[in-house]
């Protein structure tokens, strides 16, 4: 992985893109902290390391949180605490 400051990435965008096309990953920093990672599109789509949100985004794109989500199985949870099981 090659690291570039934001200014370097702006000035050498063609080089950054060429490196990424060749299979490398580019990390762009802003004020010394990681700000962005540039990867090939096929890695972004097929990578198993995208994290929970990235993996589930497509599956839950149209999912809506139930209005009573905070009360689901509330009685069971209270019983577990009261009985000392938790």
N, C-alpha and C. Protein backbone atom coordinates (compact mmCIF):
# COMPACT_ATOMS: atom_id res chain seq x y z
N UNK A 1 0.85 -1.17 0.00
CA UNK A 1 0.00 0.00 0.00
C UNK A 1 0.90 1.23 0.00
N UNK A 2 0.59 2.13 -0.92
CA UNK A 2 1.32 3.38 -1.01
C UNK A 2 0.52 4.46 -0.30
N UNK A 3 1.20 5.29 0.46
CA UNK A 3 0.53 6.36 1.19
C UNK A 3 0.85 7.70 0.54
N UNK A 4 -0.19 8.50 0.36
CA UNK A 4 -0.06 9.84 -0.20
C UNK A 4 -0.75 10.82 0.72
N UNK A 5 -0.18 12.02 0.82
CA UNK A 5 -0.92 13.09 1.47
C UNK A 5 -2.01 13.53 0.49
N UNK A 6 -2.97 14.24 0.96
CA UNK A 6 -4.04 14.71 0.08
C UNK A 6 -3.47 15.58 -1.04
N UNK A 7 -2.52 16.43 -0.70
CA UNK A 7 -1.90 17.30 -1.72
C UNK A 7 -1.17 16.47 -2.77
N UNK A 8 -0.45 15.43 -2.33
CA UNK A 8 0.25 14.56 -3.28
C UNK A 8 -0.73 13.82 -4.18
N UNK A 9 -1.80 13.33 -3.59
CA UNK A 9 -2.80 12.59 -4.37
C UNK A 9 -3.45 13.49 -5.43
N UNK A 10 -3.72 14.74 -5.06
CA UNK A 10 -4.28 15.68 -6.03
C UNK A 10 -3.30 15.95 -7.17
N UNK A 11 -2.05 16.17 -6.80
CA UNK A 11 -1.04 16.50 -7.80
C UNK A 11 -0.67 15.32 -8.69
N UNK A 12 -0.81 14.10 -8.15
CA UNK A 12 -0.40 12.90 -8.89
C UNK A 12 -1.54 11.92 -9.08
N UNK A 13 -2.73 12.42 -9.29
CA UNK A 13 -3.90 11.55 -9.39
C UNK A 13 -3.73 10.48 -10.47
N UNK A 14 -3.17 10.84 -11.60
CA UNK A 14 -2.96 9.86 -12.67
C UNK A 14 -2.07 8.72 -12.19
N UNK A 15 -1.02 9.04 -11.45
CA UNK A 15 -0.11 8.02 -10.93
C UNK A 15 -0.83 7.14 -9.91
N UNK A 16 -1.63 7.74 -9.05
CA UNK A 16 -2.38 6.98 -8.06
C UNK A 16 -3.31 5.99 -8.77
N UNK A 17 -4.02 6.45 -9.77
CA UNK A 17 -4.94 5.60 -10.51
C UNK A 17 -4.18 4.47 -11.22
N UNK A 18 -3.04 4.78 -11.81
CA UNK A 18 -2.24 3.74 -12.48
C UNK A 18 -1.80 2.67 -11.49
N UNK A 19 -1.37 3.06 -10.30
CA UNK A 19 -0.96 2.10 -9.29
C UNK A 19 -2.12 1.22 -8.86
N UNK A 20 -3.28 1.83 -8.69
CA UNK A 20 -4.45 1.07 -8.28
C UNK A 20 -4.87 0.11 -9.40
N UNK A 21 -4.82 0.56 -10.63
CA UNK A 21 -5.15 -0.33 -11.76
C UNK A 21 -4.20 -1.52 -11.82
N UNK A 22 -2.96 -1.32 -11.37
CA UNK A 22 -1.97 -2.39 -11.37
C UNK A 22 -2.17 -3.36 -10.20
N UNK A 23 -3.14 -3.07 -9.36
CA UNK A 23 -3.44 -3.98 -8.25
C UNK A 23 -3.01 -3.50 -6.89
N UNK A 24 -2.37 -2.35 -6.81
CA UNK A 24 -1.96 -1.82 -5.51
C UNK A 24 -3.10 -1.04 -4.87
N UNK A 25 -2.94 -0.75 -3.60
CA UNK A 25 -3.91 0.05 -2.86
C UNK A 25 -3.24 1.35 -2.48
N UNK A 26 -3.97 2.44 -2.52
CA UNK A 26 -3.43 3.75 -2.15
C UNK A 26 -4.17 4.29 -0.93
N UNK A 27 -3.42 4.72 0.06
CA UNK A 27 -3.98 5.34 1.25
C UNK A 27 -3.73 6.83 1.15
N UNK A 28 -4.77 7.62 1.33
CA UNK A 28 -4.64 9.08 1.27
C UNK A 28 -4.85 9.61 2.69
N UNK A 29 -3.90 10.42 3.14
CA UNK A 29 -4.00 10.98 4.47
C UNK A 29 -4.34 12.47 4.41
N UNK A 30 -4.98 12.92 5.45
CA UNK A 30 -5.32 14.34 5.58
C UNK A 30 -4.91 14.76 6.99
N UNK A 31 -4.02 15.74 7.06
CA UNK A 31 -3.48 16.20 8.35
C UNK A 31 -2.85 15.04 9.12
N UNK A 32 -2.19 14.13 8.39
CA UNK A 32 -1.48 13.02 9.03
C UNK A 32 -2.32 11.83 9.42
N UNK A 33 -3.63 11.88 9.16
CA UNK A 33 -4.51 10.77 9.53
C UNK A 33 -5.10 10.14 8.27
N UNK A 34 -5.32 8.83 8.27
CA UNK A 34 -5.95 8.19 7.11
C UNK A 34 -7.30 8.82 6.81
N UNK A 35 -7.53 9.17 5.55
CA UNK A 35 -8.79 9.80 5.16
C UNK A 35 -9.52 8.99 4.10
N UNK A 36 -8.77 8.28 3.25
CA UNK A 36 -9.41 7.52 2.17
C UNK A 36 -8.49 6.40 1.72
N UNK A 37 -9.11 5.36 1.19
CA UNK A 37 -8.37 4.26 0.58
C UNK A 37 -8.88 4.13 -0.84
N UNK A 38 -7.96 4.05 -1.79
CA UNK A 38 -8.34 3.90 -3.19
C UNK A 38 -8.00 2.47 -3.60
N UNK A 39 -9.02 1.73 -4.04
CA UNK A 39 -8.84 0.35 -4.46
C UNK A 39 -9.54 0.12 -5.79
N UNK A 40 -9.20 -0.99 -6.45
CA UNK A 40 -9.86 -1.33 -7.71
C UNK A 40 -11.33 -1.65 -7.43
N UNK A 41 -12.21 -1.31 -8.34
CA UNK A 41 -13.64 -1.57 -8.13
C UNK A 41 -13.95 -3.04 -7.87
N UNK A 42 -13.26 -3.96 -8.53
CA UNK A 42 -13.58 -5.36 -8.32
C UNK A 42 -13.21 -5.82 -6.91
N UNK A 43 -12.22 -5.20 -6.29
CA UNK A 43 -11.90 -5.53 -4.90
C UNK A 43 -12.97 -4.99 -3.96
N UNK A 44 -13.51 -3.85 -4.26
CA UNK A 44 -14.54 -3.25 -3.42
C UNK A 44 -15.81 -4.08 -3.45
N UNK A 45 -16.11 -4.68 -4.56
CA UNK A 45 -17.35 -5.44 -4.69
C UNK A 45 -17.21 -6.85 -4.15
N UNK A 46 -16.05 -7.48 -4.32
CA UNK A 46 -15.90 -8.89 -3.98
C UNK A 46 -15.15 -9.16 -2.68
N UNK A 47 -14.62 -8.15 -2.05
CA UNK A 47 -13.79 -8.37 -0.87
C UNK A 47 -14.62 -8.82 0.32
N UNK A 48 -14.24 -9.92 0.96
CA UNK A 48 -14.95 -10.35 2.17
C UNK A 48 -14.61 -9.50 3.38
N UNK A 49 -13.63 -8.62 3.26
CA UNK A 49 -13.19 -7.81 4.39
C UNK A 49 -13.81 -6.41 4.36
N UNK A 50 -14.94 -6.25 3.70
CA UNK A 50 -15.54 -4.93 3.59
C UNK A 50 -16.17 -4.48 4.90
N UNK A 51 -16.34 -5.36 5.83
CA UNK A 51 -16.97 -5.01 7.08
C UNK A 51 -18.46 -5.28 7.04
N UNK A 52 -19.07 -5.24 8.20
CA UNK A 52 -20.48 -5.58 8.32
C UNK A 52 -21.38 -4.69 7.47
N UNK A 53 -21.18 -3.40 7.54
CA UNK A 53 -22.05 -2.49 6.79
C UNK A 53 -21.91 -2.71 5.29
N UNK A 54 -20.70 -2.81 4.81
CA UNK A 54 -20.49 -3.02 3.38
C UNK A 54 -21.09 -4.31 2.89
N UNK A 55 -20.97 -5.38 3.67
CA UNK A 55 -21.51 -6.68 3.27
C UNK A 55 -23.03 -6.70 3.30
N UNK A 56 -23.61 -5.99 4.22
CA UNK A 56 -25.06 -6.06 4.39
C UNK A 56 -25.82 -4.95 3.69
N UNK A 57 -25.13 -3.96 3.17
CA UNK A 57 -25.79 -2.81 2.57
C UNK A 57 -26.81 -3.23 1.53
N UNK A 58 -26.44 -4.12 0.63
CA UNK A 58 -27.34 -4.54 -0.45
C UNK A 58 -28.54 -5.32 0.10
N UNK A 59 -28.27 -6.21 1.07
CA UNK A 59 -29.34 -7.04 1.62
C UNK A 59 -30.38 -6.23 2.39
N UNK A 60 -29.94 -5.16 3.04
CA UNK A 60 -30.85 -4.38 3.88
C UNK A 60 -31.19 -3.01 3.30
N UNK A 61 -30.99 -2.83 2.01
CA UNK A 61 -31.21 -1.54 1.39
C UNK A 61 -32.64 -1.05 1.58
N UNK A 62 -33.62 -1.94 1.54
CA UNK A 62 -35.03 -1.54 1.65
C UNK A 62 -35.64 -1.95 2.99
N UNK A 63 -34.82 -2.36 3.92
CA UNK A 63 -35.32 -2.83 5.20
C UNK A 63 -35.66 -1.65 6.09
N UNK A 64 -36.77 -1.74 6.81
CA UNK A 64 -37.17 -0.68 7.72
C UNK A 64 -37.18 -1.21 9.14
N UNK A 65 -36.71 -0.40 10.06
CA UNK A 65 -36.67 -0.77 11.46
C UNK A 65 -38.08 -0.73 12.03
N UNK A 66 -38.54 -1.81 12.66
CA UNK A 66 -39.89 -1.79 13.25
C UNK A 66 -39.99 -0.72 14.32
N UNK A 67 -41.16 -0.14 14.45
CA UNK A 67 -41.34 0.94 15.44
C UNK A 67 -41.13 0.44 16.86
N UNK A 68 -41.39 -0.83 17.11
CA UNK A 68 -41.25 -1.37 18.46
C UNK A 68 -39.93 -2.13 18.65
N UNK A 69 -38.92 -1.79 17.86
CA UNK A 69 -37.66 -2.54 17.92
C UNK A 69 -37.06 -2.55 19.32
N UNK A 70 -37.27 -1.49 20.07
CA UNK A 70 -36.68 -1.42 21.40
C UNK A 70 -37.47 -2.18 22.45
N UNK A 71 -38.63 -2.73 22.07
CA UNK A 71 -39.45 -3.49 23.01
C UNK A 71 -39.54 -4.97 22.64
N UNK A 72 -38.86 -5.36 21.59
CA UNK A 72 -38.90 -6.75 21.16
C UNK A 72 -38.28 -7.63 22.23
N UNK A 73 -39.01 -8.64 22.66
CA UNK A 73 -38.57 -9.60 23.68
C UNK A 73 -38.18 -8.92 24.98
N UNK A 74 -38.79 -7.77 25.26
CA UNK A 74 -38.45 -7.02 26.46
C UNK A 74 -38.73 -7.85 27.71
N UNK A 75 -39.85 -8.55 27.75
CA UNK A 75 -40.20 -9.36 28.93
C UNK A 75 -39.16 -10.44 29.18
N UNK A 76 -38.70 -11.09 28.11
CA UNK A 76 -37.69 -12.14 28.26
C UNK A 76 -36.39 -11.59 28.79
N UNK A 77 -36.01 -10.42 28.34
CA UNK A 77 -34.76 -9.80 28.79
C UNK A 77 -34.86 -9.42 30.27
N UNK A 78 -35.98 -8.85 30.66
CA UNK A 78 -36.19 -8.47 32.06
C UNK A 78 -36.13 -9.70 32.95
N UNK A 79 -36.75 -10.79 32.52
CA UNK A 79 -36.74 -12.03 33.30
C UNK A 79 -35.32 -12.54 33.47
N UNK A 80 -34.51 -12.49 32.44
CA UNK A 80 -33.13 -12.94 32.55
C UNK A 80 -32.36 -12.15 33.60
N UNK A 81 -32.57 -10.84 33.64
CA UNK A 81 -31.88 -10.02 34.63
C UNK A 81 -32.41 -10.27 36.03
N UNK A 82 -33.73 -10.38 36.17
CA UNK A 82 -34.33 -10.58 37.49
C UNK A 82 -33.98 -11.94 38.09
N UNK A 83 -33.85 -12.96 37.24
CA UNK A 83 -33.52 -14.29 37.71
C UNK A 83 -32.03 -14.48 37.96
N UNK A 84 -31.25 -13.45 37.66
CA UNK A 84 -29.82 -13.51 37.89
C UNK A 84 -29.05 -14.30 36.85
N UNK A 85 -29.67 -14.57 35.72
CA UNK A 85 -28.98 -15.34 34.67
C UNK A 85 -27.98 -14.48 33.91
N UNK A 86 -28.12 -13.19 34.01
CA UNK A 86 -27.18 -12.29 33.35
C UNK A 86 -26.49 -11.45 34.39
